[in-house]
Amino acid sequence: MQDDFLAKSLRELMRERHLSQQEVAKSAGVSQSTVSRALNGNMRRSGKGKKMLFRFMQQELGQEIFLAGKDKVVRAFESVWDGSDEHAAAIAKIISASYGLLPSAHLER
């Protein structure tokens, strides 16, 4: 799922800014083959190259890249929340407790 998001976002960025794989690779500090794998959704591991591409895209796009994910979380919250402060606090605890479920690449931030 994360690889699909990276591939789609990277393709859009490259199309909008008329960037080649080589230009992205140079700017992100990765190899052209890493960019190619990312575009094809073939980033099998959460290694340094993937982190560097996400960092490059975040610098280029600001927080825009993460808004779609945030919207999903907000919609999920709104679909289960009963509107009370108590229920909001309970849901917040559940979300906070799920931190350990994140892939290790996210925990390193």
Protein backbone atom coordinates (compact mmCIF):
# COMPACT_ATOMS: atom_id res chain seq x y z
CA MET A 1 0.00 0.00 0.00
CA GLN A 2 2.75 2.45 0.93
CA ASP A 3 4.62 1.53 -2.28
CA ASP A 4 1.51 2.29 -4.36
CA PHE A 5 1.17 5.67 -2.65
CA LEU A 6 4.84 6.45 -3.25
CA ALA A 7 4.64 5.41 -6.91
CA LYS A 8 1.50 7.46 -7.60
CA SER A 9 2.76 10.54 -5.77
CA LEU A 10 6.18 10.37 -7.41
CA ARG A 11 4.66 9.97 -10.89
CA GLU A 12 2.43 13.00 -10.32
CA LEU A 13 5.34 15.10 -9.07
CA MET A 14 7.50 14.13 -12.04
CA ARG A 15 4.70 14.85 -14.51
CA GLU A 16 3.82 18.22 -12.97
CA ARG A 17 7.44 19.39 -12.79
CA HIS A 18 8.67 17.68 -15.96
CA LEU A 19 11.36 15.78 -14.06
CA SER A 20 13.23 12.74 -15.36
CA GLN A 21 14.11 9.74 -13.22
CA GLN A 22 17.73 10.87 -13.30
CA GLU A 23 16.81 14.38 -12.05
CA VAL A 24 14.74 12.96 -9.20
CA ALA A 25 17.51 10.53 -8.30
CA LYS A 26 20.10 13.31 -8.16
CA SER A 27 17.86 15.61 -6.11
CA ALA A 28 16.84 12.85 -3.70
CA GLY A 29 20.35 11.43 -3.37
CA VAL A 30 19.41 7.97 -4.62
CA SER A 31 20.19 5.93 -7.72
CA GLN A 32 18.09 6.07 -10.88
CA SER A 33 17.26 2.39 -10.37
CA THR A 34 15.80 3.22 -6.93
CA VAL A 35 13.54 5.80 -8.56
CA SER A 36 12.54 3.26 -11.21
CA ARG A 37 11.67 0.65 -8.55
CA ALA A 38 9.64 3.24 -6.65
CA LEU A 39 7.71 4.18 -9.80
CA ASN A 40 6.95 0.52 -10.44
CA GLY A 41 5.85 -0.09 -6.84
CA ASN A 42 8.72 -2.52 -6.31
CA MET A 43 10.29 -1.08 -3.17
CA ARG A 44 10.29 -4.35 -1.23
CA ARG A 45 11.85 -3.01 1.92
CA SER A 46 11.76 0.17 3.93
CA GLY A 47 15.38 1.04 3.38
CA LYS A 48 17.37 4.22 3.14
CA GLY A 49 16.42 4.82 -0.50
CA LYS A 50 12.71 4.76 0.24
CA LYS A 51 13.15 7.13 3.17
CA MET A 52 15.21 9.49 1.04
CA LEU A 53 12.54 9.53 -1.69
CA PHE A 54 9.79 10.27 0.84
CA ARG A 55 11.95 13.03 2.36
CA PHE A 56 12.59 14.52 -1.11
CA MET A 57 8.89 14.46 -1.93
CA GLN A 58 7.96 16.00 1.39
CA GLN A 59 10.45 18.82 0.75
CA GLU A 60 9.06 19.35 -2.75
CA LEU A 61 5.40 19.12 -1.84
CA GLY A 62 5.40 20.22 1.78
CA GLN A 63 2.78 18.45 3.83
CA GLU A 64 0.49 17.99 0.79
CA ILE A 65 1.77 14.45 0.33
CA PHE A 66 0.38 13.31 3.67
CA LEU A 67 -3.01 15.04 3.58
CA ALA A 68 -4.77 12.17 1.82
CA GLY A 69 -3.78 9.78 4.61
CA LYS A 70 -4.80 12.27 7.27
CA ASP A 71 -8.22 12.64 5.64
CA LYS A 72 -8.70 8.85 5.80
CA VAL A 73 -7.93 8.85 9.52
CA VAL A 74 -10.28 11.77 10.18
CA ARG A 75 -13.10 10.09 8.23
CA ALA A 76 -12.57 6.83 10.14
CA PHE A 77 -12.64 8.72 13.45
CA GLU A 78 -15.81 10.58 12.50
CA SER A 79 -17.51 7.34 11.43
CA VAL A 80 -17.15 5.81 14.93
CA TRP A 81 -17.24 8.85 17.25
CA ASP A 82 -20.50 9.50 19.11
CA GLY A 83 -19.69 13.21 19.55
CA SER A 84 -18.91 13.14 23.25
CA ASP A 85 -15.65 14.24 24.89
CA GLU A 86 -15.47 10.93 26.73
CA HIS A 87 -15.71 8.90 23.54
CA ALA A 88 -13.14 11.14 21.82
CA ALA A 89 -10.73 10.52 24.71
CA ALA A 90 -11.31 6.75 24.45
CA ILE A 91 -10.67 6.74 20.70
CA ALA A 92 -7.54 8.88 21.18
CA LYS A 93 -6.23 6.29 23.68
CA ILE A 94 -6.81 3.51 21.16
CA ILE A 95 -4.98 5.44 18.46
CA SER A 96 -2.09 6.21 20.80
CA ALA A 97 -1.89 2.58 21.90
CA SER A 98 -1.59 1.48 18.26
CA TYR A 99 1.77 3.25 17.89
CA GLY A 100 3.67 0.00 18.41
CA LEU A 101 1.87 -1.51 15.40
CA LEU A 102 3.61 0.84 12.96
CA PRO A 103 6.24 -0.60 10.63
CA SER A 104 9.73 -0.10 12.07
CA ALA A 105 10.58 2.50 9.40
CA HIS A 106 7.99 4.85 10.88
CA LEU A 107 9.22 4.35 14.43
CA GLU A 108 12.69 5.65 13.51
CA ARG A 109 11.45 9.21 12.79
